Amino acid sequence: MARGEVTGRKPRERAAVTGGVPPIRGPPVPPACFSIKTFCVAHHISEAMFFKLREMGIGPDVMQVGRRVLITFEAAARWRAQREVTTVAE
């Protein structure tokens, strides 16, 4: 960080820069489940198609955590396997 007398600005406190939150150390924690949006991006389908599949009864299993709707990686894998079996059977 440049000194205030060089830049002509007041130096900021480090807590003000980070919002008072200490930096996280270590490797990032991988997510444990998908939101509807991230599920759709990962599986290359639109959100409208996701809800259409749910209405047809062939969407992935979901869980609700509070008001959020989440899809576990295991449920997504089961859904993909079911879609593959159905596709081969047709």
N, C-alpha and C. Protein backbone atom coordinates (compact mmCIF):
# COMPACT_ATOMS: atom_id res chain seq x y z
N MET A 1 0.86 -1.17 0.00
CA MET A 1 0.00 0.00 0.00
C MET A 1 0.90 1.23 0.00
N ALA A 2 0.56 2.20 -0.82
CA ALA A 2 1.36 3.41 -0.93
C ALA A 2 1.13 4.29 0.28
N ARG A 3 2.13 5.05 0.60
CA ARG A 3 2.04 5.94 1.77
C ARG A 3 1.17 7.14 1.42
N GLY A 4 0.48 7.65 2.45
CA GLY A 4 -0.43 8.77 2.27
C GLY A 4 0.25 10.03 1.78
N GLU A 5 1.49 10.26 2.27
CA GLU A 5 2.18 11.49 1.84
C GLU A 5 2.62 11.43 0.39
N VAL A 6 2.69 10.25 -0.19
CA VAL A 6 3.06 10.10 -1.59
C VAL A 6 1.83 10.25 -2.48
N THR A 7 0.73 9.60 -2.11
CA THR A 7 -0.46 9.61 -2.95
C THR A 7 -1.37 10.80 -2.69
N GLY A 8 -1.24 11.42 -1.52
CA GLY A 8 -2.13 12.52 -1.18
C GLY A 8 -3.46 12.04 -0.61
N ARG A 9 -3.60 10.77 -0.35
CA ARG A 9 -4.82 10.21 0.23
C ARG A 9 -4.55 9.70 1.63
N LYS A 10 -5.61 9.62 2.41
CA LYS A 10 -5.48 9.06 3.74
C LYS A 10 -5.33 7.54 3.62
N PRO A 11 -4.43 6.97 4.39
CA PRO A 11 -4.33 5.51 4.35
C PRO A 11 -5.57 4.88 5.00
N ARG A 12 -6.04 3.80 4.40
CA ARG A 12 -7.22 3.12 4.93
C ARG A 12 -6.78 2.04 5.91
N GLU A 13 -7.64 1.80 6.85
CA GLU A 13 -7.40 0.71 7.80
C GLU A 13 -7.63 -0.61 7.07
N ARG A 14 -6.87 -1.62 7.41
CA ARG A 14 -7.02 -2.93 6.77
C ARG A 14 -8.40 -3.52 7.04
N ALA A 15 -8.96 -3.30 8.24
CA ALA A 15 -10.29 -3.83 8.56
C ALA A 15 -11.35 -3.18 7.67
N ALA A 16 -11.16 -1.92 7.33
CA ALA A 16 -12.12 -1.24 6.47
C ALA A 16 -12.06 -1.79 5.05
N VAL A 17 -10.89 -2.20 4.61
CA VAL A 17 -10.73 -2.73 3.26
C VAL A 17 -11.41 -4.09 3.14
N THR A 18 -11.24 -4.95 4.13
CA THR A 18 -11.80 -6.31 4.06
C THR A 18 -13.17 -6.40 4.71
N GLY A 19 -13.71 -5.32 5.18
CA GLY A 19 -15.02 -5.35 5.81
C GLY A 19 -14.98 -5.92 7.22
N GLY A 20 -13.81 -5.93 7.85
CA GLY A 20 -13.70 -6.44 9.20
C GLY A 20 -13.60 -7.96 9.27
N VAL A 21 -13.62 -8.63 8.12
CA VAL A 21 -13.56 -10.08 8.09
C VAL A 21 -12.12 -10.50 7.83
N PRO A 22 -11.56 -11.38 8.67
CA PRO A 22 -10.19 -11.81 8.40
C PRO A 22 -10.14 -12.67 7.14
N PRO A 23 -9.04 -12.64 6.41
CA PRO A 23 -8.95 -13.44 5.19
C PRO A 23 -9.00 -14.94 5.52
N ILE A 24 -9.57 -15.73 4.62
CA ILE A 24 -9.66 -17.17 4.80
C ILE A 24 -8.34 -17.78 4.38
N ARG A 25 -7.82 -18.65 5.22
CA ARG A 25 -6.57 -19.32 4.90
C ARG A 25 -6.84 -20.77 4.56
N GLY A 26 -6.01 -21.32 3.73
CA GLY A 26 -6.16 -22.72 3.35
C GLY A 26 -6.86 -22.86 2.02
N PRO A 27 -7.00 -24.10 1.59
CA PRO A 27 -7.64 -24.31 0.29
C PRO A 27 -9.13 -23.99 0.36
N PRO A 28 -9.71 -23.60 -0.76
CA PRO A 28 -11.14 -23.30 -0.75
C PRO A 28 -11.96 -24.57 -0.49
N VAL A 29 -13.08 -24.40 0.16
CA VAL A 29 -13.95 -25.53 0.47
C VAL A 29 -14.86 -25.78 -0.74
N PRO A 30 -14.85 -26.99 -1.30
CA PRO A 30 -15.70 -27.26 -2.47
C PRO A 30 -17.16 -27.30 -2.05
N PRO A 31 -18.06 -26.93 -2.95
CA PRO A 31 -19.48 -26.99 -2.62
C PRO A 31 -19.94 -28.43 -2.45
N ALA A 32 -20.99 -28.64 -1.66
CA ALA A 32 -21.51 -29.98 -1.41
C ALA A 32 -22.79 -30.24 -2.18
N CYS A 33 -23.35 -29.21 -2.79
CA CYS A 33 -24.60 -29.40 -3.54
C CYS A 33 -24.76 -28.27 -4.55
N PHE A 34 -25.73 -28.46 -5.44
CA PHE A 34 -26.05 -27.48 -6.47
C PHE A 34 -27.25 -26.64 -6.03
N SER A 35 -27.27 -25.38 -6.42
CA SER A 35 -28.52 -24.63 -6.42
C SER A 35 -29.20 -24.97 -7.75
N ILE A 36 -30.42 -24.54 -7.93
CA ILE A 36 -31.10 -24.84 -9.19
C ILE A 36 -30.32 -24.22 -10.36
N LYS A 37 -29.87 -23.00 -10.15
CA LYS A 37 -29.14 -22.30 -11.22
C LYS A 37 -27.84 -23.02 -11.57
N THR A 38 -27.04 -23.41 -10.55
CA THR A 38 -25.77 -24.07 -10.84
C THR A 38 -25.99 -25.47 -11.40
N PHE A 39 -27.06 -26.16 -10.98
CA PHE A 39 -27.40 -27.47 -11.55
C PHE A 39 -27.68 -27.32 -13.05
N CYS A 40 -28.47 -26.31 -13.39
CA CYS A 40 -28.82 -26.10 -14.80
C CYS A 40 -27.59 -25.76 -15.63
N VAL A 41 -26.71 -24.94 -15.10
CA VAL A 41 -25.49 -24.59 -15.83
C VAL A 41 -24.62 -25.83 -16.00
N ALA A 42 -24.47 -26.63 -14.94
CA ALA A 42 -23.62 -27.81 -14.99
C ALA A 42 -24.15 -28.87 -15.94
N HIS A 43 -25.48 -28.93 -16.12
CA HIS A 43 -26.07 -29.96 -16.96
C HIS A 43 -26.57 -29.41 -18.31
N HIS A 44 -26.24 -28.18 -18.59
CA HIS A 44 -26.56 -27.54 -19.88
C HIS A 44 -28.05 -27.59 -20.21
N ILE A 45 -28.87 -27.27 -19.23
CA ILE A 45 -30.31 -27.14 -19.46
C ILE A 45 -30.75 -25.79 -18.93
N SER A 46 -31.87 -25.31 -19.43
CA SER A 46 -32.39 -24.03 -18.95
C SER A 46 -33.17 -24.26 -17.66
N GLU A 47 -33.36 -23.20 -16.92
CA GLU A 47 -34.15 -23.31 -15.70
C GLU A 47 -35.60 -23.66 -16.02
N ALA A 48 -36.11 -23.17 -17.14
CA ALA A 48 -37.47 -23.53 -17.56
C ALA A 48 -37.57 -25.03 -17.82
N MET A 49 -36.55 -25.61 -18.45
CA MET A 49 -36.54 -27.05 -18.70
C MET A 49 -36.47 -27.82 -17.39
N PHE A 50 -35.71 -27.32 -16.42
CA PHE A 50 -35.63 -27.96 -15.10
C PHE A 50 -37.01 -28.06 -14.48
N PHE A 51 -37.75 -26.96 -14.48
CA PHE A 51 -39.07 -26.96 -13.87
C PHE A 51 -40.06 -27.81 -14.68
N LYS A 52 -39.88 -27.86 -16.00
CA LYS A 52 -40.73 -28.71 -16.83
C LYS A 52 -40.47 -30.19 -16.49
N LEU A 53 -39.20 -30.56 -16.31
CA LEU A 53 -38.87 -31.92 -15.92
C LEU A 53 -39.45 -32.27 -14.55
N ARG A 54 -39.40 -31.31 -13.63
CA ARG A 54 -39.97 -31.54 -12.29
C ARG A 54 -41.48 -31.76 -12.38
N GLU A 55 -42.17 -30.99 -13.23
CA GLU A 55 -43.61 -31.16 -13.40
C GLU A 55 -43.94 -32.52 -14.00
N MET A 56 -43.08 -33.01 -14.89
CA MET A 56 -43.28 -34.31 -15.52
C MET A 56 -42.93 -35.46 -14.57
N GLY A 57 -42.30 -35.15 -13.45
CA GLY A 57 -41.93 -36.17 -12.48
C GLY A 57 -40.61 -36.85 -12.77
N ILE A 58 -39.82 -36.28 -13.67
CA ILE A 58 -38.54 -36.89 -14.01
C ILE A 58 -37.36 -35.97 -13.68
N GLY A 59 -37.56 -35.01 -12.80
CA GLY A 59 -36.49 -34.14 -12.38
C GLY A 59 -35.68 -34.78 -11.27
N PRO A 60 -34.56 -34.18 -10.90
CA PRO A 60 -33.74 -34.72 -9.82
C PRO A 60 -34.41 -34.53 -8.46
N ASP A 61 -34.01 -35.35 -7.49
CA ASP A 61 -34.48 -35.18 -6.12
C ASP A 61 -33.89 -33.90 -5.56
N VAL A 62 -34.70 -33.16 -4.83
CA VAL A 62 -34.24 -31.90 -4.26
C VAL A 62 -34.42 -31.94 -2.75
N MET A 63 -33.71 -31.06 -2.07
CA MET A 63 -33.90 -30.89 -0.63
C MET A 63 -34.09 -29.41 -0.36
N GLN A 64 -34.87 -29.11 0.65
CA GLN A 64 -35.08 -27.72 1.02
C GLN A 64 -34.32 -27.44 2.31
N VAL A 65 -33.54 -26.38 2.28
CA VAL A 65 -32.83 -25.91 3.45
C VAL A 65 -33.33 -24.49 3.68
N GLY A 66 -34.23 -24.35 4.63
CA GLY A 66 -34.90 -23.06 4.80
C GLY A 66 -35.76 -22.82 3.58
N ARG A 67 -35.54 -21.71 2.92
CA ARG A 67 -36.29 -21.41 1.71
C ARG A 67 -35.55 -21.81 0.44
N ARG A 68 -34.29 -22.25 0.60
CA ARG A 68 -33.49 -22.62 -0.57
C ARG A 68 -33.79 -24.03 -1.02
N VAL A 69 -33.75 -24.24 -2.32
CA VAL A 69 -33.92 -25.56 -2.90
C VAL A 69 -32.55 -25.97 -3.43
N LEU A 70 -32.04 -27.10 -2.93
CA LEU A 70 -30.72 -27.57 -3.31
C LEU A 70 -30.79 -28.99 -3.85
N ILE A 71 -29.82 -29.34 -4.69
CA ILE A 71 -29.72 -30.67 -5.28
C ILE A 71 -28.34 -31.20 -4.93
N THR A 72 -28.29 -32.33 -4.23
CA THR A 72 -26.99 -32.90 -3.86
C THR A 72 -26.32 -33.47 -5.10
N PHE A 73 -25.01 -33.63 -5.01
CA PHE A 73 -24.27 -34.22 -6.13
C PHE A 73 -24.71 -35.66 -6.35
N GLU A 74 -25.04 -36.36 -5.27
CA GLU A 74 -25.50 -37.74 -5.38
C GLU A 74 -26.84 -37.82 -6.12
N ALA A 75 -27.76 -36.90 -5.79
CA ALA A 75 -29.06 -36.87 -6.47
C ALA A 75 -28.88 -36.54 -7.95
N ALA A 76 -27.95 -35.65 -8.26
CA ALA A 76 -27.68 -35.32 -9.66
C ALA A 76 -27.12 -36.53 -10.41
N ALA A 77 -26.24 -37.30 -9.75
CA ALA A 77 -25.68 -38.49 -10.39
C ALA A 77 -26.76 -39.54 -10.62
N ARG A 78 -27.66 -39.73 -9.64
CA ARG A 78 -28.77 -40.67 -9.83
C ARG A 78 -29.67 -40.23 -10.97
N TRP A 79 -29.94 -38.93 -11.05
CA TRP A 79 -30.79 -38.40 -12.11
C TRP A 79 -30.16 -38.65 -13.48
N ARG A 80 -28.85 -38.39 -13.59
CA ARG A 80 -28.16 -38.64 -14.87
C ARG A 80 -28.23 -40.11 -15.24
N ALA A 81 -28.02 -41.01 -14.27
CA ALA A 81 -28.06 -42.45 -14.54
C ALA A 81 -29.46 -42.87 -14.99
N GLN A 82 -30.50 -42.32 -14.35
CA GLN A 82 -31.88 -42.63 -14.75
C GLN A 82 -32.16 -42.14 -16.17
N ARG A 83 -31.68 -40.96 -16.49
CA ARG A 83 -31.89 -40.42 -17.83
C ARG A 83 -31.18 -41.29 -18.86
N GLU A 84 -29.98 -41.80 -18.55
CA GLU A 84 -29.25 -42.65 -19.48
C GLU A 84 -30.01 -43.96 -19.71
N VAL A 85 -30.51 -44.57 -18.64
CA VAL A 85 -31.26 -45.83 -18.76
C VAL A 85 -32.51 -45.61 -19.59
N THR A 86 -33.22 -44.53 -19.34
CA THR A 86 -34.44 -44.23 -20.07
C THR A 86 -34.13 -43.99 -21.55
N THR A 87 -33.04 -43.31 -21.82
CA THR A 87 -32.67 -43.01 -23.20
C THR A 87 -32.33 -44.30 -23.96
N VAL A 88 -31.59 -45.21 -23.32
CA VAL A 88 -31.20 -46.46 -23.95
C VAL A 88 -32.44 -47.33 -24.19
N ALA A 89 -33.41 -47.32 -23.23
CA ALA A 89 -34.61 -48.13 -23.35
C ALA A 89 -35.51 -47.67 -24.49
N GLU A 90 -35.47 -46.40 -24.81
CA GLU A 90 -36.33 -45.86 -25.87
C GLU A 90 -35.72 -46.18 -27.17
